[in-house]
Amino acid sequence: MLGFLERLAHLAAPGRKASRAAAAVAFYHAGRRVWTPRDYAALAREGYQKNAVVHRCVRLVAEAAAALPVSLLENGLARDAHPLLDLLRRPNPREDGGRFLEGVFGHLLVSGNAYLEAAAIDGRVRELHALRPDRMRVVPGANGWPAAFEYQVGGQVVRFSIGEEDVPPILHLTLFHPTDDHYGLSPMEAAAAALDIHNAASAWNKALLDNAARPSGALVFAGEAAVSDAQFTRLKAELEETYQGARNAGRPMLLEGGLDWKPLALSPKEMDFVQAKAAAAREIALAFGVPPLLLGLPGDATLANYAEANRAFYRQTVIPLAKRTLDALSLWLAPGFGADLRLEPDLDAIEALSDERESLWRRVSAAGFLSDDEKREALGYGRRA
């Protein structure tokens, strides 16, 4: 305990650049792996693999963000050709740039975390790889910040130590999590209740189809003697094999021995699961930042509304996610190229924003008090070389 208090006082001394609160984090976690509090496999299975709304939300956001053209500014000057651009176009022999970034954004949306590995030769980054979040663990150092990352596959563990390299071997991207020091929060976790409701409603509909698409009924025995266990078992097996299922829908039931069929119906109030499923789908779309109209969910499906929803989708979801990721990539990789580099999405290439960009171009072009370089910077471009 004394060593901890001495270290805390040392970090809190004036003139030393270190987080004063980080040492308290290190008191609980120093030298040990911090295990992710969520089940990535369950989120991927129950959400992305089994739920059509989640699947489409992730694909829509990841594909849109990965498809944005990227421009590069070097020391404030626009560059059409640069080794960093070449690296992003072909990050590794197995993937092109679009597929690589789509995987990065997909990991972010499903788990709230994405890990990028930089493979360097002679100090120069030659390849980039996206690693599965469920296999990566953060190892905090004495100051509370990550000192290493451990990637485990089966019984093998690869450790990436964070030292004094110009380009650290691992870039950890996260979505904001208010109660976790190291890991991000998946939108799927925020929509977990809606996801369960939507999946349960789908299972309910499937069960109705399997039972001739109608509610169950009751077999009433009119005799005085009770039904024996053997008779009950035989009757149950006969109902399941002969009368249940979509292929047996409408088949007449032959009753004997004093049996009578009493159909049971559900009230309109009990059938509200259809509306509950639609509301759950909208909550899922809200968590991912996708307008429900783009997913084909019930709403005001007009051309004007669709165009506005598409603009809102890019402005509020795709562009902020892409800019944050490109900024992180710039800060991570720029030291390896020995220059001040900044990656920016090319907003003029987004068809959904063409009207807005055209209006901006007209206003900037009409501003006679601005120089050509100032106009280029106002539009998001660098100065001419």
Protein backbone atom coordinates (compact mmCIF):
# COMPACT_ATOMS: atom_id res chain seq x y z
CA MET A 1 0.00 0.00 0.00
CA LEU A 2 2.85 2.38 0.79
CA GLY A 3 4.31 1.92 -2.69
CA PHE A 4 0.97 2.80 -4.23
CA LEU A 5 0.62 5.96 -2.13
CA GLU A 6 4.15 7.03 -2.96
CA ARG A 7 3.53 6.47 -6.67
CA LEU A 8 0.26 8.39 -6.49
CA ALA A 9 1.95 11.34 -4.79
CA HIS A 10 4.74 11.25 -7.36
CA LEU A 11 2.30 11.37 -10.27
CA ALA A 12 0.39 14.21 -8.63
CA ALA A 13 3.53 16.35 -8.30
CA PRO A 14 3.47 19.63 -10.28
CA GLY A 15 5.22 19.65 -13.62
CA ARG A 16 4.79 15.95 -14.39
CA LYS A 17 2.61 15.17 -17.42
CA ALA A 18 0.50 12.21 -16.33
CA SER A 19 -3.09 11.59 -15.36
CA ARG A 20 -3.53 11.94 -11.59
CA ALA A 21 -6.63 9.74 -11.68
CA ALA A 22 -5.05 6.98 -13.77
CA ALA A 23 -2.98 5.73 -10.85
CA ALA A 24 -6.18 4.88 -8.99
CA VAL A 25 -7.25 2.80 -11.96
CA ALA A 26 -3.88 1.06 -11.91
CA PHE A 27 -4.33 0.21 -8.22
CA TYR A 28 -7.08 -2.21 -9.15
CA HIS A 29 -5.85 -3.48 -12.52
CA ALA A 30 -2.07 -3.17 -12.74
CA GLY A 31 -0.40 -6.13 -14.42
CA ARG A 32 -3.64 -8.07 -14.99
CA ARG A 33 -5.72 -8.55 -18.11
CA VAL A 34 -9.05 -6.76 -18.08
CA TRP A 35 -11.66 -9.14 -19.45
CA THR A 36 -14.43 -7.69 -21.55
CA PRO A 37 -17.72 -7.63 -19.59
CA ARG A 38 -19.82 -8.55 -22.61
CA ASP A 39 -20.23 -11.72 -24.66
CA TYR A 40 -19.19 -10.79 -28.18
CA ALA A 41 -20.22 -14.18 -29.54
CA ALA A 42 -23.75 -13.79 -28.15
CA LEU A 43 -24.10 -10.27 -29.56
CA ALA A 44 -22.90 -11.43 -32.96
CA ARG A 45 -25.10 -14.53 -32.94
CA GLU A 46 -28.37 -13.14 -31.55
CA GLY A 47 -27.99 -9.75 -33.22
CA TYR A 48 -26.03 -9.70 -36.45
CA GLN A 49 -26.60 -13.34 -37.45
CA LYS A 50 -30.23 -13.84 -36.36
CA ASN A 51 -31.87 -10.42 -36.47
CA ALA A 52 -32.56 -8.88 -39.86
CA VAL A 53 -32.83 -5.31 -38.51
CA VAL A 54 -29.47 -5.47 -36.72
CA HIS A 55 -27.85 -7.16 -39.71
CA ARG A 56 -29.07 -4.47 -42.08
CA CYS A 57 -28.13 -1.62 -39.72
CA VAL A 58 -24.55 -2.87 -39.37
CA ARG A 59 -24.19 -3.52 -43.09
CA LEU A 60 -25.72 -0.16 -44.02
CA VAL A 61 -23.47 1.90 -41.73
CA ALA A 62 -20.28 -0.11 -42.33
CA GLU A 63 -20.62 -0.22 -46.11
CA ALA A 64 -21.53 3.48 -46.36
CA ALA A 65 -18.61 4.56 -44.15
CA ALA A 66 -16.12 2.26 -45.91
CA ALA A 67 -17.21 3.51 -49.34
CA LEU A 68 -16.44 7.18 -48.61
CA PRO A 69 -13.53 8.43 -50.75
CA VAL A 70 -10.59 9.59 -48.65
CA SER A 71 -8.44 12.65 -49.29
CA LEU A 72 -5.04 13.31 -47.72
CA LEU A 73 -3.57 16.59 -46.47
CA GLU A 74 0.19 16.73 -45.88
CA ASN A 75 1.28 19.79 -43.92
CA GLY A 76 -1.99 21.41 -45.01
CA LEU A 77 -1.43 20.63 -48.72
CA ALA A 78 -3.72 18.29 -50.67
CA ARG A 79 -1.98 15.17 -51.99
CA ASP A 80 -3.37 12.94 -54.70
CA ALA A 81 -0.60 10.38 -54.33
CA HIS A 82 1.13 9.28 -51.15
CA PRO A 83 2.40 6.01 -49.59
CA LEU A 84 -0.26 6.29 -46.89
CA LEU A 85 -3.01 6.40 -49.52
CA ASP A 86 -1.45 3.37 -51.20
CA LEU A 87 -1.45 1.56 -47.85
CA LEU A 88 -5.14 2.28 -47.31
CA ARG A 89 -6.02 1.16 -50.84
CA ARG A 90 -4.26 -2.17 -50.29
CA PRO A 91 -3.75 -2.68 -46.54
CA ASN A 92 -2.77 -6.36 -46.85
CA PRO A 93 -2.57 -9.04 -49.54
CA ARG A 94 -5.91 -10.55 -48.54
CA GLU A 95 -8.09 -7.42 -48.58
CA ASP A 96 -8.60 -4.20 -50.46
CA GLY A 97 -9.21 -0.94 -48.65
CA GLY A 98 -13.02 -1.09 -48.80
CA ARG A 99 -13.27 -4.57 -47.35
CA PHE A 100 -10.70 -3.76 -44.68
CA LEU A 101 -12.54 -0.63 -43.49
CA GLU A 102 -15.89 -2.41 -43.67
CA GLY A 103 -14.54 -5.01 -41.23
CA VAL A 104 -13.23 -2.28 -38.92
CA PHE A 105 -16.57 -0.47 -38.84
CA GLY A 106 -18.42 -3.77 -38.46
CA HIS A 107 -16.37 -4.70 -35.40
CA LEU A 108 -17.03 -1.27 -33.92
CA LEU A 109 -20.79 -1.57 -34.36
CA VAL A 110 -21.10 -5.15 -33.13
CA SER A 111 -18.74 -5.03 -30.15
CA GLY A 112 -18.01 -1.33 -29.59
CA ASN A 113 -14.31 -2.09 -30.16
CA ALA A 114 -12.00 -2.49 -33.16
CA TYR A 115 -8.31 -3.43 -33.15
CA LEU A 116 -5.91 -2.67 -35.99
CA GLU A 117 -2.47 -4.22 -36.24
CA ALA A 118 0.39 -2.45 -38.06
CA ALA A 119 2.95 -4.84 -39.53
CA ALA A 120 6.22 -2.92 -39.97
CA ILE A 121 9.50 -3.82 -41.67
CA ASP A 122 12.57 -1.71 -40.88
CA GLY A 123 10.37 0.80 -39.09
CA ARG A 124 8.03 1.31 -42.04
CA VAL A 125 4.41 0.15 -41.91
CA ARG A 126 3.79 -2.26 -44.78
CA GLU A 127 0.47 -3.89 -43.86
CA LEU A 128 -2.65 -3.27 -41.76
CA HIS A 129 -4.86 -6.01 -40.33
CA ALA A 130 -8.21 -5.88 -38.49
CA LEU A 131 -8.23 -8.27 -35.50
CA ARG A 132 -11.28 -9.89 -33.93
CA PRO A 133 -12.32 -8.01 -30.76
CA ASP A 134 -13.34 -11.13 -28.83
CA ARG A 135 -9.78 -12.46 -29.03
CA MET A 136 -8.07 -9.29 -27.79
CA ARG A 137 -7.46 -8.35 -24.17
CA VAL A 138 -6.11 -5.09 -22.75
CA VAL A 139 -3.24 -5.28 -20.23
CA PRO A 140 -3.07 -2.00 -18.25
CA GLY A 141 0.26 -0.66 -17.08
CA ALA A 142 1.25 1.02 -13.83
CA ASN A 143 -0.22 4.34 -14.97
CA GLY A 144 -3.62 2.81 -15.73
CA TRP A 145 -3.35 3.08 -19.52
CA PRO A 146 -2.80 0.07 -21.79
CA ALA A 147 0.77 -1.24 -21.64
CA ALA A 148 0.14 -4.21 -23.91
CA PHE A 149 -2.50 -6.11 -25.84
CA GLU A 150 -2.86 -9.89 -25.84
CA TYR A 151 -4.40 -11.69 -28.80
CA GLN A 152 -5.45 -15.24 -27.99
CA VAL A 153 -6.45 -17.93 -30.49
CA GLY A 154 -6.99 -21.34 -28.94
CA GLY A 155 -4.05 -21.96 -26.66
CA GLN A 156 -1.71 -19.49 -28.33
CA VAL A 157 -1.28 -15.93 -27.08
CA VAL A 158 0.46 -13.16 -29.00
CA ARG A 159 1.49 -10.15 -26.89
CA PHE A 160 1.81 -6.69 -28.42
CA SER A 161 3.75 -4.43 -26.08
CA ILE A 162 3.26 -0.67 -26.26
CA GLY A 163 6.71 0.93 -26.13
CA GLU A 164 8.42 3.94 -27.65
CA GLU A 165 7.77 3.03 -31.28
CA ASP A 166 6.82 5.77 -33.69
CA VAL A 167 3.82 3.66 -34.70
CA PRO A 168 2.44 1.43 -31.90
CA PRO A 169 1.66 -2.10 -33.13
CA ILE A 170 -2.02 -1.88 -32.13
CA LEU A 171 -4.63 0.85 -32.60
CA HIS A 172 -7.64 0.36 -30.32
CA LEU A 173 -10.80 2.11 -31.55
CA THR A 174 -13.76 2.33 -29.18
CA LEU A 175 -17.26 3.75 -28.99
CA PHE A 176 -17.92 5.75 -25.84
CA HIS A 177 -18.65 3.68 -22.73
CA PRO A 178 -19.55 5.62 -19.55
CA THR A 179 -18.60 2.88 -17.07
CA ASP A 180 -15.62 1.11 -18.63
CA ASP A 181 -12.05 2.40 -18.63
CA HIS A 182 -10.78 0.31 -21.53
CA TYR A 183 -13.59 -1.07 -23.69
CA GLY A 184 -16.29 0.54 -25.81
CA LEU A 185 -20.06 0.09 -25.73
CA SER A 186 -21.84 -1.63 -28.62
CA PRO A 187 -25.09 -0.06 -29.89
CA MET A 188 -26.49 -3.58 -29.67
CA GLU A 189 -26.11 -3.51 -25.88
CA ALA A 190 -28.15 -0.32 -25.65
CA ALA A 191 -30.84 -1.99 -27.77
CA ALA A 192 -30.62 -5.39 -26.01
CA ALA A 193 -34.20 -5.30 -24.68
CA ALA A 194 -35.60 -4.29 -28.07
CA LEU A 195 -33.48 -6.99 -29.71
CA ASP A 196 -34.91 -9.67 -27.41
CA ILE A 197 -38.47 -8.46 -28.05
CA HIS A 198 -37.95 -8.50 -31.81
CA ASN A 199 -36.42 -11.98 -31.79
CA ALA A 200 -39.16 -13.30 -29.48
CA ALA A 201 -41.87 -11.87 -31.75
CA SER A 202 -40.26 -13.55 -34.76
CA ALA A 203 -40.16 -16.85 -32.87
CA TRP A 204 -43.85 -16.36 -31.95
CA ASN A 205 -44.80 -15.86 -35.60
CA LYS A 206 -42.80 -18.95 -36.58
CA ALA A 207 -44.57 -21.00 -33.91
CA LEU A 208 -47.96 -19.84 -35.22
CA LEU A 209 -47.03 -20.99 -38.72
CA ASP A 210 -45.86 -24.32 -37.36
CA ASN A 211 -49.26 -24.70 -35.68
CA ALA A 212 -51.39 -24.00 -38.78
CA ALA A 213 -51.14 -20.23 -38.27
CA ARG A 214 -53.87 -20.19 -35.63
CA PRO A 215 -54.01 -20.16 -31.81
CA SER A 216 -54.14 -23.42 -29.95
CA GLY A 217 -57.35 -25.09 -28.87
CA ALA A 218 -58.39 -27.51 -26.16
CA LEU A 219 -59.49 -31.13 -26.37
CA VAL A 220 -62.31 -31.65 -23.90
CA PHE A 221 -63.05 -35.21 -22.71
CA ALA A 222 -66.76 -35.66 -22.08
CA GLY A 223 -66.55 -39.11 -20.49
CA GLU A 224 -66.67 -39.86 -16.82
CA ALA A 225 -63.39 -41.77 -16.61
CA ALA A 226 -60.08 -39.94 -16.73
CA VAL A 227 -57.71 -40.31 -19.68
CA SER A 228 -54.89 -42.73 -18.93
CA ASP A 229 -51.23 -41.82 -19.38
CA ALA A 230 -50.93 -44.13 -22.37
CA GLN A 231 -53.99 -42.58 -24.04
CA PHE A 232 -52.69 -39.06 -23.36
CA THR A 233 -49.28 -39.88 -24.87
CA ARG A 234 -50.83 -41.48 -27.95
CA LEU A 235 -53.24 -38.56 -28.45
CA LYS A 236 -50.46 -35.99 -28.11
CA ALA A 237 -48.25 -37.81 -30.62
CA GLU A 238 -51.14 -38.10 -33.08
CA LEU A 239 -51.87 -34.37 -32.86
CA GLU A 240 -48.22 -33.42 -33.44
CA GLU A 241 -47.74 -35.77 -36.40
CA THR A 242 -51.11 -35.45 -38.13
CA TYR A 243 -52.55 -32.02 -37.43
CA GLN A 244 -49.72 -29.61 -36.57
CA GLY A 245 -47.53 -27.77 -39.07
CA ALA A 246 -48.14 -25.65 -42.15
CA ARG A 247 -48.53 -28.71 -44.43
CA ASN A 248 -51.43 -29.96 -42.28
CA ALA A 249 -53.28 -26.63 -42.23
CA GLY A 250 -57.05 -27.10 -42.68
CA ARG A 251 -57.00 -30.88 -42.29
CA PRO A 252 -60.23 -32.02 -40.57
CA MET A 253 -59.82 -33.61 -37.15
CA LEU A 254 -61.49 -36.94 -36.46
CA LEU A 255 -62.48 -37.24 -32.80
CA GLU A 256 -63.63 -40.32 -30.95
CA GLY A 257 -64.33 -41.58 -27.47
CA GLY A 258 -66.18 -38.52 -26.21
CA LEU A 259 -63.52 -35.96 -27.23
CA ASP A 260 -64.60 -32.47 -28.25
CA TRP A 261 -62.44 -29.65 -29.76
CA LYS A 262 -62.78 -26.18 -28.26
CA PRO A 263 -60.81 -23.58 -30.23
CA LEU A 264 -59.18 -20.78 -28.25
CA ALA A 265 -58.82 -17.26 -29.67
CA LEU A 266 -56.59 -14.36 -28.69
CA SER A 267 -58.08 -10.93 -28.16
CA PRO A 268 -56.83 -7.97 -30.23
CA LYS A 269 -55.07 -6.71 -27.10
CA GLU A 270 -53.16 -9.99 -26.82
CA MET A 271 -52.18 -9.76 -30.47
CA ASP A 272 -50.30 -6.48 -29.92
CA PHE A 273 -47.00 -8.32 -30.32
CA VAL A 274 -47.09 -7.23 -33.99
CA GLN A 275 -46.96 -3.58 -32.93
CA ALA A 276 -44.41 -4.46 -30.27
CA LYS A 277 -42.17 -5.99 -32.92
CA ALA A 278 -42.43 -2.88 -35.09
CA ALA A 279 -41.63 -0.64 -32.10
CA ALA A 280 -38.65 -2.85 -31.20
CA ALA A 281 -37.33 -2.61 -34.76
CA ARG A 282 -37.48 1.19 -34.58
CA GLU A 283 -35.59 1.18 -31.26
CA ILE A 284 -32.86 -0.98 -32.78
CA ALA A 285 -32.58 1.39 -35.74
CA LEU A 286 -32.44 4.35 -33.33
CA ALA A 287 -29.55 2.79 -31.40
CA PHE A 288 -27.53 2.38 -34.60
CA GLY A 289 -28.43 5.84 -35.93
CA VAL A 290 -30.22 4.53 -39.00
CA PRO A 291 -33.50 6.22 -40.02
CA PRO A 292 -36.26 3.55 -39.99
CA LEU A 293 -37.34 4.65 -43.44
CA LEU A 294 -34.05 3.37 -44.91
CA LEU A 295 -34.78 -0.08 -43.46
CA GLY A 296 -38.23 -0.36 -44.98
CA LEU A 297 -39.97 -0.06 -41.60
CA PRO A 298 -43.50 1.39 -41.53
CA GLY A 299 -43.57 5.16 -41.76
CA ASP A 300 -44.00 8.07 -44.15
CA ALA A 301 -42.46 6.45 -47.21
CA THR A 302 -42.41 9.36 -49.63
CA LEU A 303 -39.61 10.41 -51.96
CA ALA A 304 -39.02 13.68 -50.08
CA ASN A 305 -38.88 11.92 -46.73
CA TYR A 306 -36.50 9.29 -48.09
CA ALA A 307 -34.09 11.91 -49.43
CA GLU A 308 -34.14 13.76 -46.10
CA ALA A 309 -33.63 10.51 -44.18
CA ASN A 310 -30.67 9.66 -46.40
CA ARG A 311 -29.08 13.06 -45.75
CA ALA A 312 -29.64 12.70 -42.00
CA PHE A 313 -28.12 9.21 -42.11
CA TYR A 314 -24.89 10.52 -43.63
CA ARG A 315 -24.75 13.72 -41.57
CA GLN A 316 -25.51 12.20 -38.18
CA THR A 317 -24.14 8.66 -38.42
CA VAL A 318 -21.82 7.85 -41.32
CA ILE A 319 -19.68 11.00 -41.53
CA PRO A 320 -19.02 11.37 -37.74
CA LEU A 321 -18.02 7.68 -37.53
CA ALA A 322 -15.77 7.93 -40.59
CA LYS A 323 -14.13 11.19 -39.43
CA ARG A 324 -13.36 9.81 -35.96
CA THR A 325 -11.83 6.69 -37.47
CA LEU A 326 -9.79 8.57 -40.07
CA ASP A 327 -8.53 11.01 -37.42
CA ALA A 328 -7.39 8.07 -35.28
CA LEU A 329 -5.68 6.47 -38.28
CA SER A 330 -3.92 9.76 -39.08
CA LEU A 331 -2.57 10.21 -35.56
CA TRP A 332 -1.51 6.57 -35.41
CA LEU A 333 0.24 6.25 -38.78
CA ALA A 334 1.55 9.78 -39.49
CA PRO A 335 4.72 9.46 -37.32
CA GLY A 336 5.80 6.51 -39.45
CA PHE A 337 5.82 8.72 -42.53
CA GLY A 338 7.60 11.64 -40.88
CA ALA A 339 5.04 14.29 -41.81
CA ASP A 340 1.91 16.02 -40.55
CA LEU A 341 -0.76 13.94 -42.29
CA ARG A 342 -4.52 14.18 -42.00
CA LEU A 343 -7.06 11.89 -43.63
CA GLU A 344 -10.43 13.40 -44.47
CA PRO A 345 -13.59 11.98 -46.10
CA ASP A 346 -14.41 13.61 -49.43
CA LEU A 347 -17.89 15.00 -48.80
CA ASP A 348 -18.32 16.14 -52.40
CA ALA A 349 -18.41 12.49 -53.48
CA ILE A 350 -21.52 11.74 -51.38
CA GLU A 351 -24.52 11.83 -53.69
CA ALA A 352 -26.97 12.25 -50.80
CA LEU A 353 -25.30 15.56 -49.88
CA SER A 354 -25.00 16.91 -53.42
CA ASP A 355 -27.62 19.63 -52.93
CA GLU A 356 -26.02 20.85 -49.70
CA ARG A 357 -22.53 20.82 -51.18
CA GLU A 358 -23.68 22.67 -54.31
CA SER A 359 -25.21 25.39 -52.15
CA LEU A 360 -21.99 25.65 -50.12
CA TRP A 361 -19.89 25.86 -53.28
CA ARG A 362 -22.02 28.76 -54.58
CA ARG A 363 -21.77 30.68 -51.31
CA VAL A 364 -18.00 30.18 -51.02
CA SER A 365 -17.38 31.02 -54.67
CA ALA A 366 -19.32 34.27 -54.29
CA ALA A 367 -17.20 35.33 -51.28
CA GLY A 368 -14.84 37.75 -53.00
CA PHE A 369 -13.04 38.61 -49.76
CA LEU A 370 -11.56 35.08 -49.61
CA SER A 371 -8.45 33.97 -51.46
CA ASP A 372 -8.43 30.75 -53.51
CA ASP A 373 -6.58 28.87 -50.76
CA GLU A 374 -9.03 30.13 -48.14
CA LYS A 375 -11.95 28.99 -50.29
CA ARG A 376 -10.37 25.55 -50.65
CA GLU A 377 -9.93 25.26 -46.90
CA ALA A 378 -13.53 26.38 -46.32
CA LEU A 379 -14.68 23.53 -48.57
CA GLY A 380 -12.52 21.01 -46.76
CA TYR A 381 -9.64 20.88 -49.21
CA GLY A 382 -6.02 21.72 -48.52
CA ARG A 383 -4.00 24.44 -50.12
CA ARG A 384 -2.49 23.84 -53.53
CA ALA A 385 1.00 22.40 -53.50
